[in-house]
Amino acid sequence: MDMAKNKPFGDNARRGEVKNREQVFNPKIKRWVKIDTDTHLFMDQKSNGEKFKGVRKYK
């Protein structure tokens, strides 16, 4: 799996998006859920209600 590049380290900026992943908002639990685009399985969910950083939204 490809991860987003984040160099130079320490500048707190991401260069590009995380590949093979999307996120969608679940209104029932009011959380963002991360989905693997290859297998279409749920990977993770945010506990604080904010979006995942660098992950594109589901279309």
PDB file of N, CA and C in Angstrom:
ATOM      1  N   MET A   1       0.831  -1.179   0.000  1.00  0.00           N
ATOM      2  CA  MET A   1       0.000   0.000   0.000  1.00  0.00           C
ATOM      3  C   MET A   1       0.873   1.239   0.000  1.00  0.00           C
ATOM      4  N   ASP A   2       0.432   2.209  -0.744  1.00  0.00           N
ATOM      5  CA  ASP A   2       1.178   3.452  -0.816  1.00  0.00           C
ATOM      6  C   ASP A   2       0.696   4.412   0.249  1.00  0.00           C
ATOM      7  N   MET A   3       1.632   4.976   0.949  1.00  0.00           N
ATOM      8  CA  MET A   3       1.301   5.981   1.947  1.00  0.00           C
ATOM      9  C   MET A   3       1.655   7.351   1.380  1.00  0.00           C
ATOM     10  N   ALA A   4       1.037   8.384   1.900  1.00  0.00           N
ATOM     11  CA  ALA A   4       1.302   9.733   1.438  1.00  0.00           C
ATOM     12  C   ALA A   4       2.703  10.162   1.879  1.00  0.00           C
ATOM     13  N   LYS A   5       3.353  10.885   1.017  1.00  0.00           N
ATOM     14  CA  LYS A   5       4.673  11.417   1.351  1.00  0.00           C
ATOM     15  C   LYS A   5       4.504  12.589   2.300  1.00  0.00           C
ATOM     16  N   ASN A   6       5.360  12.709   3.264  1.00  0.00           N
ATOM     17  CA  ASN A   6       5.225  13.775   4.245  1.00  0.00           C
ATOM     18  C   ASN A   6       6.583  14.393   4.561  1.00  0.00           C
ATOM     19  N   LYS A   7       7.415  14.560   3.514  1.00  0.00           N
ATOM     20  CA  LYS A   7       8.739  15.140   3.717  1.00  0.00           C
ATOM     21  C   LYS A   7       8.734  16.584   3.267  1.00  0.00           C
ATOM     22  N   PRO A   8       9.510  17.482   3.772  1.00  0.00           N
ATOM     23  CA  PRO A   8      10.458  17.299   4.860  1.00  0.00           C
ATOM     24  C   PRO A   8       9.734  17.126   6.195  1.00  0.00           C
ATOM     25  N   PHE A   9      10.329  16.318   7.050  1.00  0.00           N
ATOM     26  CA  PHE A   9       9.716  16.020   8.333  1.00  0.00           C
ATOM     27  C   PHE A   9       9.694  17.255   9.221  1.00  0.00           C
ATOM     28  N   GLY A  10       8.635  17.398   9.993  1.00  0.00           N
ATOM     29  CA  GLY A  10       8.559  18.476  10.960  1.00  0.00           C
ATOM     30  C   GLY A  10       7.870  19.733  10.478  1.00  0.00           C
ATOM     31  N   ASP A  11       7.493  19.825   9.169  1.00  0.00           N
ATOM     32  CA  ASP A  11       6.826  21.039   8.707  1.00  0.00           C
ATOM     33  C   ASP A  11       5.307  20.926   8.803  1.00  0.00           C
ATOM     34  N   ASN A  12       4.797  19.760   9.257  1.00  0.00           N
ATOM     35  CA  ASN A  12       3.378  19.548   9.531  1.00  0.00           C
ATOM     36  C   ASN A  12       2.513  19.703   8.279  1.00  0.00           C
ATOM     37  N   ALA A  13       3.044  19.335   7.106  1.00  0.00           N
ATOM     38  CA  ALA A  13       2.296  19.420   5.851  1.00  0.00           C
ATOM     39  C   ALA A  13       2.392  18.097   5.115  1.00  0.00           C
ATOM     40  N   ARG A  14       1.293  17.689   4.476  1.00  0.00           N
ATOM     41  CA  ARG A  14       1.269  16.436   3.731  1.00  0.00           C
ATOM     42  C   ARG A  14       1.347  16.743   2.239  1.00  0.00           C
ATOM     43  N   ARG A  15       2.156  15.988   1.520  1.00  0.00           N
ATOM     44  CA  ARG A  15       2.303  16.144   0.079  1.00  0.00           C
ATOM     45  C   ARG A  15       1.551  15.013  -0.606  1.00  0.00           C
ATOM     46  N   GLY A  16       0.346  15.258  -1.064  1.00  0.00           N
ATOM     47  CA  GLY A  16      -0.426  14.235  -1.753  1.00  0.00           C
ATOM     48  C   GLY A  16      -1.376  13.511  -0.821  1.00  0.00           C
ATOM     49  N   GLU A  17      -2.222  12.653  -1.413  1.00  0.00           N
ATOM     50  CA  GLU A  17      -3.230  11.949  -0.634  1.00  0.00           C
ATOM     51  C   GLU A  17      -2.813  10.517  -0.356  1.00  0.00           C
ATOM     52  N   VAL A  18      -3.474   9.895   0.607  1.00  0.00           N
ATOM     53  CA  VAL A  18      -3.249   8.493   0.907  1.00  0.00           C
ATOM     54  C   VAL A  18      -3.936   7.679  -0.182  1.00  0.00           C
ATOM     55  N   LYS A  19      -3.228   6.772  -0.827  1.00  0.00           N
ATOM     56  CA  LYS A  19      -3.765   6.011  -1.955  1.00  0.00           C
ATOM     57  C   LYS A  19      -4.587   4.813  -1.490  1.00  0.00           C
ATOM     58  N   ASN A  20      -5.501   4.364  -2.341  1.00  0.00           N
ATOM     59  CA  ASN A  20      -6.325   3.171  -2.128  1.00  0.00           C
ATOM     60  C   ASN A  20      -7.221   3.260  -0.903  1.00  0.00           C
ATOM     61  N   ARG A  21      -7.603   4.469  -0.513  1.00  0.00           N
ATOM     62  CA  ARG A  21      -8.486   4.634   0.629  1.00  0.00           C
ATOM     63  C   ARG A  21      -9.448   5.778   0.370  1.00  0.00           C
ATOM     64  N   GLU A  22     -10.651   5.649   0.902  1.00  0.00           N
ATOM     65  CA  GLU A  22     -11.641   6.711   0.837  1.00  0.00           C
ATOM     66  C   GLU A  22     -12.309   6.826   2.201  1.00  0.00           C
ATOM     67  N   GLN A  23     -12.990   7.940   2.420  1.00  0.00           N
ATOM     68  CA  GLN A  23     -13.711   8.099   3.673  1.00  0.00           C
ATOM     69  C   GLN A  23     -15.146   8.535   3.382  1.00  0.00           C
ATOM     70  N   VAL A  24     -16.044   8.111   4.247  1.00  0.00           N
ATOM     71  CA  VAL A  24     -17.454   8.446   4.115  1.00  0.00           C
ATOM     72  C   VAL A  24     -17.990   8.759   5.506  1.00  0.00           C
ATOM     73  N   PHE A  25     -18.942   9.698   5.579  1.00  0.00           N
ATOM     74  CA  PHE A  25     -19.527  10.068   6.865  1.00  0.00           C
ATOM     75  C   PHE A  25     -20.731   9.180   7.143  1.00  0.00           C
ATOM     76  N   ASN A  26     -20.770   8.588   8.321  1.00  0.00           N
ATOM     77  CA  ASN A  26     -21.893   7.766   8.747  1.00  0.00           C
ATOM     78  C   ASN A  26     -22.775   8.625   9.655  1.00  0.00           C
ATOM     79  N   PRO A  27     -23.952   9.065   9.182  1.00  0.00           N
ATOM     80  CA  PRO A  27     -24.770   9.969   9.986  1.00  0.00           C
ATOM     81  C   PRO A  27     -25.404   9.305  11.202  1.00  0.00           C
ATOM     82  N   LYS A  28     -25.529   7.991  11.188  1.00  0.00           N
ATOM     83  CA  LYS A  28     -26.150   7.308  12.322  1.00  0.00           C
ATOM     84  C   LYS A  28     -25.263   7.362  13.572  1.00  0.00           C
ATOM     85  N   ILE A  29     -23.959   7.152  13.381  1.00  0.00           N
ATOM     86  CA  ILE A  29     -23.033   7.211  14.508  1.00  0.00           C
ATOM     87  C   ILE A  29     -22.256   8.528  14.555  1.00  0.00           C
ATOM     88  N   LYS A  30     -22.466   9.373  13.521  1.00  0.00           N
ATOM     89  CA  LYS A  30     -21.823  10.696  13.423  1.00  0.00           C
ATOM     90  C   LYS A  30     -20.300  10.597  13.452  1.00  0.00           C
ATOM     91  N   ARG A  31     -19.764   9.673  12.654  1.00  0.00           N
ATOM     92  CA  ARG A  31     -18.309   9.492  12.556  1.00  0.00           C
ATOM     93  C   ARG A  31     -17.898   9.293  11.110  1.00  0.00           C
ATOM     94  N   TRP A  32     -16.633   9.630  10.805  1.00  0.00           N
ATOM     95  CA  TRP A  32     -16.053   9.368   9.493  1.00  0.00           C
ATOM     96  C   TRP A  32     -15.460   7.965   9.506  1.00  0.00           C
ATOM     97  N   VAL A  33     -15.708   7.190   8.443  1.00  0.00           N
ATOM     98  CA  VAL A  33     -15.239   5.818   8.332  1.00  0.00           C
ATOM     99  C   VAL A  33     -14.307   5.725   7.136  1.00  0.00           C
ATOM    100  N   LYS A  34     -13.146   5.083   7.327  1.00  0.00           N
ATOM    101  CA  LYS A  34     -12.165   4.900   6.257  1.00  0.00           C
ATOM    102  C   LYS A  34     -12.401   3.553   5.589  1.00  0.00           C
ATOM    103  N   ILE A  35     -12.404   3.531   4.225  1.00  0.00           N
ATOM    104  CA  ILE A  35     -12.705   2.339   3.446  1.00  0.00           C
ATOM    105  C   ILE A  35     -11.537   2.029   2.520  1.00  0.00           C
ATOM    106  N   ASP A  36     -11.162   0.746   2.430  1.00  0.00           N
ATOM    107  CA  ASP A  36     -10.156   0.291   1.479  1.00  0.00           C
ATOM    108  C   ASP A  36     -10.824   0.175   0.113  1.00  0.00           C
ATOM    109  N   THR A  37     -10.289   0.858  -0.915  1.00  0.00           N
ATOM    110  CA  THR A  37     -10.933   0.867  -2.231  1.00  0.00           C
ATOM    111  C   THR A  37     -10.734  -0.435  -2.993  1.00  0.00           C
ATOM    112  N   ASP A  38      -9.759  -1.250  -2.628  1.00  0.00           N
ATOM    113  CA  ASP A  38      -9.541  -2.529  -3.311  1.00  0.00           C
ATOM    114  C   ASP A  38     -10.520  -3.592  -2.813  1.00  0.00           C
ATOM    115  N   THR A  39     -10.671  -3.709  -1.498  1.00  0.00           N
ATOM    116  CA  THR A  39     -11.511  -4.757  -0.916  1.00  0.00           C
ATOM    117  C   THR A  39     -12.879  -4.248  -0.485  1.00  0.00           C
ATOM    118  N   HIS A  40     -13.066  -2.918  -0.425  1.00  0.00           N
ATOM    119  CA  HIS A  40     -14.303  -2.274   0.015  1.00  0.00           C
ATOM    120  C   HIS A  40     -14.676  -2.653   1.444  1.00  0.00           C
ATOM    121  N   LEU A  41     -13.678  -2.902   2.275  1.00  0.00           N
ATOM    122  CA  LEU A  41     -13.895  -3.199   3.684  1.00  0.00           C
ATOM    123  C   LEU A  41     -13.607  -1.955   4.520  1.00  0.00           C
ATOM    124  N   PHE A  42     -14.337  -1.815   5.621  1.00  0.00           N
ATOM    125  CA  PHE A  42     -14.074  -0.708   6.539  1.00  0.00           C
ATOM    126  C   PHE A  42     -12.746  -0.956   7.238  1.00  0.00           C
ATOM    127  N   MET A  43     -11.928   0.098   7.348  1.00  0.00           N
ATOM    128  CA  MET A  43     -10.614  -0.025   7.957  1.00  0.00           C
ATOM    129  C   MET A  43     -10.582   0.591   9.349  1.00  0.00           C
ATOM    130  N   ASP A  44     -11.209   1.765   9.493  1.00  0.00           N
ATOM    131  CA  ASP A  44     -11.067   2.515  10.735  1.00  0.00           C
ATOM    132  C   ASP A  44     -12.183   3.544  10.801  1.00  0.00           C
ATOM    133  N   GLN A  45     -12.400   4.102  11.987  1.00  0.00           N
ATOM    134  CA  GLN A  45     -13.335   5.213  12.137  1.00  0.00           C
ATOM    135  C   GLN A  45     -12.760   6.221  13.116  1.00  0.00           C
ATOM    136  N   LYS A  46     -13.102   7.490  12.903  1.00  0.00           N
ATOM    137  CA  LYS A  46     -12.602   8.553  13.761  1.00  0.00           C
ATOM    138  C   LYS A  46     -13.472   8.671  15.000  1.00  0.00           C
ATOM    139  N   SER A  47     -12.849   8.756  16.153  1.00  0.00           N
ATOM    140  CA  SER A  47     -13.602   8.838  17.401  1.00  0.00           C
ATOM    141  C   SER A  47     -13.999  10.270  17.746  1.00  0.00           C
ATOM    142  N   ASN A  48     -13.306  11.265  17.183  1.00  0.00           N
ATOM    143  CA  ASN A  48     -13.589  12.654  17.550  1.00  0.00           C
ATOM    144  C   ASN A  48     -14.533  13.351  16.579  1.00  0.00           C
ATOM    145  N   GLY A  49     -15.007  12.682  15.530  1.00  0.00           N
ATOM    146  CA  GLY A  49     -15.953  13.275  14.600  1.00  0.00           C
ATOM    147  C   GLY A  49     -15.339  14.115  13.500  1.00  0.00           C
ATOM    148  N   GLU A  50     -14.008  14.229  13.466  1.00  0.00           N
ATOM    149  CA  GLU A  50     -13.338  14.989  12.407  1.00  0.00           C
ATOM    150  C   GLU A  50     -12.971  14.061  11.254  1.00  0.00           C
ATOM    151  N   LYS A  51     -12.638  14.658  10.095  1.00  0.00           N
ATOM    152  CA  LYS A  51     -12.266  13.880   8.919  1.00  0.00           C
ATOM    153  C   LYS A  51     -10.857  13.316   9.074  1.00  0.00           C
ATOM    154  N   PHE A  52     -10.555  12.256   8.300  1.00  0.00           N
ATOM    155  CA  PHE A  52      -9.207  11.730   8.225  1.00  0.00           C
ATOM    156  C   PHE A  52      -8.355  12.703   7.407  1.00  0.00           C
ATOM    157  N   LYS A  53      -7.124  12.896   7.794  1.00  0.00           N
ATOM    158  CA  LYS A  53      -6.228  13.820   7.095  1.00  0.00           C
ATOM    159  C   LYS A  53      -5.648  13.134   5.869  1.00  0.00           C
ATOM    160  N   GLY A  54      -5.807  13.743   4.700  1.00  0.00           N
ATOM    161  CA  GLY A  54      -5.194  13.247   3.483  1.00  0.00           C
ATOM    162  C   GLY A  54      -5.911  12.097   2.814  1.00  0.00           C
ATOM    163  N   VAL A  55      -7.139  11.768   3.239  1.00  0.00           N
ATOM    164  CA  VAL A  55      -7.902  10.673   2.642  1.00  0.00           C
ATOM    165  C   VAL A  55      -9.073  11.288   1.892  1.00  0.00           C
ATOM    166  N   ARG A  56      -9.243  10.896   0.616  1.00  0.00           N
ATOM    167  CA  ARG A  56     -10.301  11.503  -0.192  1.00  0.00           C
ATOM    168  C   ARG A  56     -11.678  11.007   0.234  1.00  0.00           C
ATOM    169  N   LYS A  57     -12.711  11.798  -0.112  1.00  0.00           N
ATOM    170  CA  LYS A  57     -14.085  11.450   0.227  1.00  0.00           C
ATOM    171  C   LYS A  57     -14.636  10.454  -0.782  1.00  0.00           C
ATOM    172  N   TYR A  58     -15.547   9.619  -0.348  1.00  0.00           N
ATOM    173  CA  TYR A  58     -16.205   8.628  -1.201  1.00  0.00           C
ATOM    174  C   TYR A  58     -17.135   9.345  -2.178  1.00  0.00           C
ATOM    175  N   LYS A  59     -17.121   8.905  -3.442  1.00  0.00           N
ATOM    176  CA  LYS A  59     -17.974   9.530  -4.454  1.00  0.00           C
ATOM    177  C   LYS A  59     -19.229   8.722  -4.660  1.00  0.00           C
TER     178      LYS A  59
END
